[in-house]
Amino acid sequence: MTTTQNDSPLGNLLSDSMRFGPAPTRPREVAVIISTFVLFGIIAAVAAAPIVFVAIAAAAIATNFAIRWAVGSRKWGSR
């Protein structure tokens, strides 16, 4: 991955995290998934939300990433 002065790796991670579709490459999508679940774990621990709400949110996040991965697999395989 080449970066310019105005294009930092953290900026790429943030833009990949906020897009509706998958990241351009499989490793970048894995980084988005890992960082999202780490952030979710930290927020869940600090907020001390009931386990039911944490489970529902985790299931929604996992479903979102499963769909992103399925769409991305088609795109990543074509390159």
N, C-alpha and C. Protein backbone atom coordinates (compact mmCIF):
# COMPACT_ATOMS: atom_id res chain seq x y z
N MET A 1 0.85 -1.17 0.00
CA MET A 1 0.00 0.00 0.00
C MET A 1 0.90 1.23 0.00
N THR A 2 0.71 2.08 -0.97
CA THR A 2 1.47 3.32 -1.03
C THR A 2 0.64 4.43 -0.43
N THR A 3 1.31 5.27 0.31
CA THR A 3 0.61 6.41 0.91
C THR A 3 1.33 7.69 0.55
N THR A 4 0.57 8.74 0.48
CA THR A 4 1.14 10.07 0.26
C THR A 4 1.10 10.82 1.58
N GLN A 5 1.57 12.05 1.57
CA GLN A 5 1.54 12.84 2.79
C GLN A 5 0.13 13.02 3.33
N ASN A 6 -0.83 13.15 2.45
CA ASN A 6 -2.21 13.40 2.87
C ASN A 6 -3.04 12.13 3.02
N ASP A 7 -2.43 10.98 2.80
CA ASP A 7 -3.16 9.72 2.79
C ASP A 7 -2.53 8.76 3.80
N SER A 8 -2.97 8.84 5.05
CA SER A 8 -2.37 8.02 6.10
C SER A 8 -3.08 6.67 6.19
N PRO A 9 -2.39 5.63 6.70
CA PRO A 9 -3.03 4.32 6.88
C PRO A 9 -4.23 4.39 7.83
N LEU A 10 -4.16 5.23 8.86
CA LEU A 10 -5.30 5.37 9.77
C LEU A 10 -6.49 5.99 9.05
N GLY A 11 -6.23 6.93 8.18
CA GLY A 11 -7.30 7.52 7.38
C GLY A 11 -7.94 6.50 6.46
N ASN A 12 -7.12 5.60 5.89
CA ASN A 12 -7.65 4.53 5.05
C ASN A 12 -8.53 3.59 5.87
N LEU A 13 -8.08 3.25 7.08
CA LEU A 13 -8.87 2.37 7.95
C LEU A 13 -10.20 3.01 8.30
N LEU A 14 -10.18 4.29 8.62
CA LEU A 14 -11.43 4.98 8.95
C LEU A 14 -12.37 5.06 7.76
N SER A 15 -11.84 5.34 6.58
CA SER A 15 -12.71 5.41 5.41
C SER A 15 -13.24 4.03 5.05
N ASP A 16 -12.43 2.98 5.20
CA ASP A 16 -12.91 1.62 4.96
C ASP A 16 -13.99 1.22 5.96
N SER A 17 -13.86 1.69 7.20
CA SER A 17 -14.84 1.36 8.23
C SER A 17 -16.18 2.03 7.99
N MET A 18 -16.16 3.22 7.42
CA MET A 18 -17.39 4.00 7.27
C MET A 18 -18.12 3.75 5.96
N ARG A 19 -17.52 3.06 5.03
CA ARG A 19 -18.21 2.83 3.77
C ARG A 19 -19.24 1.72 3.91
N PHE A 20 -20.26 1.75 3.06
CA PHE A 20 -21.31 0.73 3.12
C PHE A 20 -20.81 -0.59 2.55
N GLY A 21 -20.02 -0.53 1.51
CA GLY A 21 -19.51 -1.75 0.89
C GLY A 21 -18.22 -2.20 1.55
N PRO A 22 -17.67 -3.29 1.05
CA PRO A 22 -16.44 -3.84 1.64
C PRO A 22 -15.22 -2.99 1.28
N ALA A 23 -14.15 -3.22 2.03
CA ALA A 23 -12.88 -2.55 1.74
C ALA A 23 -12.33 -3.07 0.41
N PRO A 24 -11.43 -2.34 -0.22
CA PRO A 24 -10.91 -2.74 -1.53
C PRO A 24 -10.16 -4.08 -1.53
N THR A 25 -9.55 -4.44 -0.43
CA THR A 25 -8.80 -5.70 -0.38
C THR A 25 -9.21 -6.52 0.85
N ARG A 26 -8.96 -7.81 0.77
CA ARG A 26 -9.32 -8.72 1.87
C ARG A 26 -8.59 -8.37 3.17
N PRO A 27 -7.27 -8.10 3.16
CA PRO A 27 -6.60 -7.75 4.42
C PRO A 27 -7.13 -6.46 5.05
N ARG A 28 -7.51 -5.50 4.24
CA ARG A 28 -8.06 -4.26 4.79
C ARG A 28 -9.42 -4.51 5.41
N GLU A 29 -10.21 -5.41 4.83
CA GLU A 29 -11.51 -5.75 5.41
C GLU A 29 -11.32 -6.49 6.74
N VAL A 30 -10.33 -7.36 6.82
CA VAL A 30 -10.04 -8.05 8.08
C VAL A 30 -9.64 -7.04 9.16
N ALA A 31 -8.84 -6.05 8.79
CA ALA A 31 -8.45 -5.01 9.75
C ALA A 31 -9.67 -4.23 10.23
N VAL A 32 -10.59 -3.94 9.34
CA VAL A 32 -11.82 -3.24 9.73
C VAL A 32 -12.65 -4.09 10.70
N ILE A 33 -12.78 -5.37 10.41
CA ILE A 33 -13.56 -6.26 11.26
C ILE A 33 -12.95 -6.34 12.66
N ILE A 34 -11.65 -6.55 12.72
CA ILE A 34 -10.97 -6.67 14.02
C ILE A 34 -11.09 -5.38 14.82
N SER A 35 -10.81 -4.25 14.18
CA SER A 35 -10.86 -2.98 14.91
C SER A 35 -12.27 -2.65 15.37
N THR A 36 -13.27 -3.00 14.58
CA THR A 36 -14.66 -2.74 14.97
C THR A 36 -15.04 -3.56 16.19
N PHE A 37 -14.68 -4.85 16.20
CA PHE A 37 -15.04 -5.68 17.35
C PHE A 37 -14.25 -5.29 18.61
N VAL A 38 -13.01 -4.84 18.45
CA VAL A 38 -12.26 -4.36 19.61
C VAL A 38 -12.93 -3.10 20.17
N LEU A 39 -13.28 -2.17 19.30
CA LEU A 39 -13.96 -0.96 19.73
C LEU A 39 -15.31 -1.29 20.37
N PHE A 40 -16.04 -2.21 19.78
CA PHE A 40 -17.33 -2.63 20.35
C PHE A 40 -17.14 -3.23 21.74
N GLY A 41 -16.11 -4.05 21.92
CA GLY A 41 -15.84 -4.65 23.23
C GLY A 41 -15.52 -3.60 24.28
N ILE A 42 -14.73 -2.61 23.89
CA ILE A 42 -14.38 -1.54 24.83
C ILE A 42 -15.63 -0.75 25.22
N ILE A 43 -16.44 -0.39 24.23
CA ILE A 43 -17.66 0.38 24.52
C ILE A 43 -18.62 -0.43 25.38
N ALA A 44 -18.78 -1.72 25.08
CA ALA A 44 -19.69 -2.56 25.86
C ALA A 44 -19.21 -2.69 27.30
N ALA A 45 -17.90 -2.78 27.50
CA ALA A 45 -17.36 -2.91 28.85
C ALA A 45 -17.53 -1.61 29.64
N VAL A 46 -17.28 -0.49 28.99
CA VAL A 46 -17.38 0.80 29.68
C VAL A 46 -18.84 1.16 29.96
N ALA A 47 -19.72 0.89 29.01
CA ALA A 47 -21.12 1.25 29.18
C ALA A 47 -21.86 0.31 30.13
N ALA A 48 -21.32 -0.87 30.33
CA ALA A 48 -21.95 -1.88 31.20
C ALA A 48 -23.41 -2.10 30.82
N ALA A 49 -23.64 -2.27 29.53
CA ALA A 49 -25.00 -2.50 29.03
C ALA A 49 -25.45 -3.91 29.39
N PRO A 50 -26.76 -4.13 29.47
CA PRO A 50 -27.27 -5.47 29.73
C PRO A 50 -26.82 -6.45 28.63
N ILE A 51 -26.61 -7.68 29.01
CA ILE A 51 -26.08 -8.68 28.10
C ILE A 51 -26.97 -8.89 26.88
N VAL A 52 -28.27 -8.72 27.04
CA VAL A 52 -29.19 -8.89 25.91
C VAL A 52 -28.90 -7.85 24.83
N PHE A 53 -28.71 -6.61 25.24
CA PHE A 53 -28.41 -5.55 24.27
C PHE A 53 -27.05 -5.76 23.62
N VAL A 54 -26.09 -6.21 24.39
CA VAL A 54 -24.76 -6.48 23.84
C VAL A 54 -24.84 -7.61 22.82
N ALA A 55 -25.59 -8.66 23.13
CA ALA A 55 -25.73 -9.79 22.21
C ALA A 55 -26.44 -9.37 20.92
N ILE A 56 -27.47 -8.56 21.04
CA ILE A 56 -28.19 -8.09 19.84
C ILE A 56 -27.28 -7.22 18.98
N ALA A 57 -26.55 -6.33 19.61
CA ALA A 57 -25.63 -5.46 18.86
C ALA A 57 -24.52 -6.27 18.19
N ALA A 58 -23.97 -7.26 18.91
CA ALA A 58 -22.92 -8.10 18.34
C ALA A 58 -23.45 -8.90 17.16
N ALA A 59 -24.67 -9.40 17.26
CA ALA A 59 -25.26 -10.15 16.14
C ALA A 59 -25.49 -9.24 14.94
N ALA A 60 -25.92 -8.01 15.18
CA ALA A 60 -26.13 -7.07 14.07
C ALA A 60 -24.81 -6.72 13.39
N ILE A 61 -23.77 -6.52 14.17
CA ILE A 61 -22.45 -6.21 13.60
C ILE A 61 -21.93 -7.40 12.81
N ALA A 62 -22.07 -8.60 13.36
CA ALA A 62 -21.59 -9.81 12.67
C ALA A 62 -22.35 -10.02 11.36
N THR A 63 -23.65 -9.76 11.36
CA THR A 63 -24.45 -9.90 10.13
C THR A 63 -24.00 -8.89 9.09
N ASN A 64 -23.76 -7.66 9.51
CA ASN A 64 -23.29 -6.63 8.61
C ASN A 64 -21.96 -7.04 7.96
N PHE A 65 -21.04 -7.55 8.77
CA PHE A 65 -19.74 -7.93 8.22
C PHE A 65 -19.83 -9.20 7.37
N ALA A 66 -20.74 -10.09 7.67
CA ALA A 66 -20.93 -11.27 6.82
C ALA A 66 -21.40 -10.86 5.43
N ILE A 67 -22.31 -9.90 5.39
CA ILE A 67 -22.79 -9.40 4.09
C ILE A 67 -21.67 -8.68 3.35
N ARG A 68 -20.92 -7.83 4.07
CA ARG A 68 -19.79 -7.13 3.44
C ARG A 68 -18.77 -8.12 2.90
N TRP A 69 -18.50 -9.19 3.66
CA TRP A 69 -17.52 -10.18 3.23
C TRP A 69 -18.01 -10.92 1.98
N ALA A 70 -19.30 -11.27 1.95
CA ALA A 70 -19.85 -11.97 0.79
C ALA A 70 -19.78 -11.10 -0.47
N VAL A 71 -20.12 -9.85 -0.32
CA VAL A 71 -20.03 -8.93 -1.47
C VAL A 71 -18.57 -8.73 -1.87
N GLY A 72 -17.71 -8.57 -0.89
CA GLY A 72 -16.29 -8.35 -1.18
C GLY A 72 -15.63 -9.56 -1.81
N SER A 73 -16.03 -10.77 -1.43
CA SER A 73 -15.43 -11.97 -2.00
C SER A 73 -15.62 -12.03 -3.49
N ARG A 74 -16.78 -11.59 -3.95
CA ARG A 74 -17.01 -11.55 -5.40
C ARG A 74 -16.10 -10.53 -6.06
N LYS A 75 -15.93 -9.38 -5.41
CA LYS A 75 -15.10 -8.31 -5.98
C LYS A 75 -13.62 -8.65 -5.89
N TRP A 76 -13.18 -9.20 -4.76
CA TRP A 76 -11.77 -9.50 -4.59
C TRP A 76 -11.32 -10.62 -5.53
N GLY A 77 -12.20 -11.56 -5.82
CA GLY A 77 -11.85 -12.67 -6.70
C GLY A 77 -11.71 -12.27 -8.15
N SER A 78 -12.29 -11.15 -8.53
CA SER A 78 -12.26 -10.73 -9.94
C SER A 78 -10.99 -9.97 -10.30
N ARG A 79 -10.14 -9.69 -9.34
CA ARG A 79 -8.92 -8.91 -9.63
C ARG A 79 -7.75 -9.80 -9.89
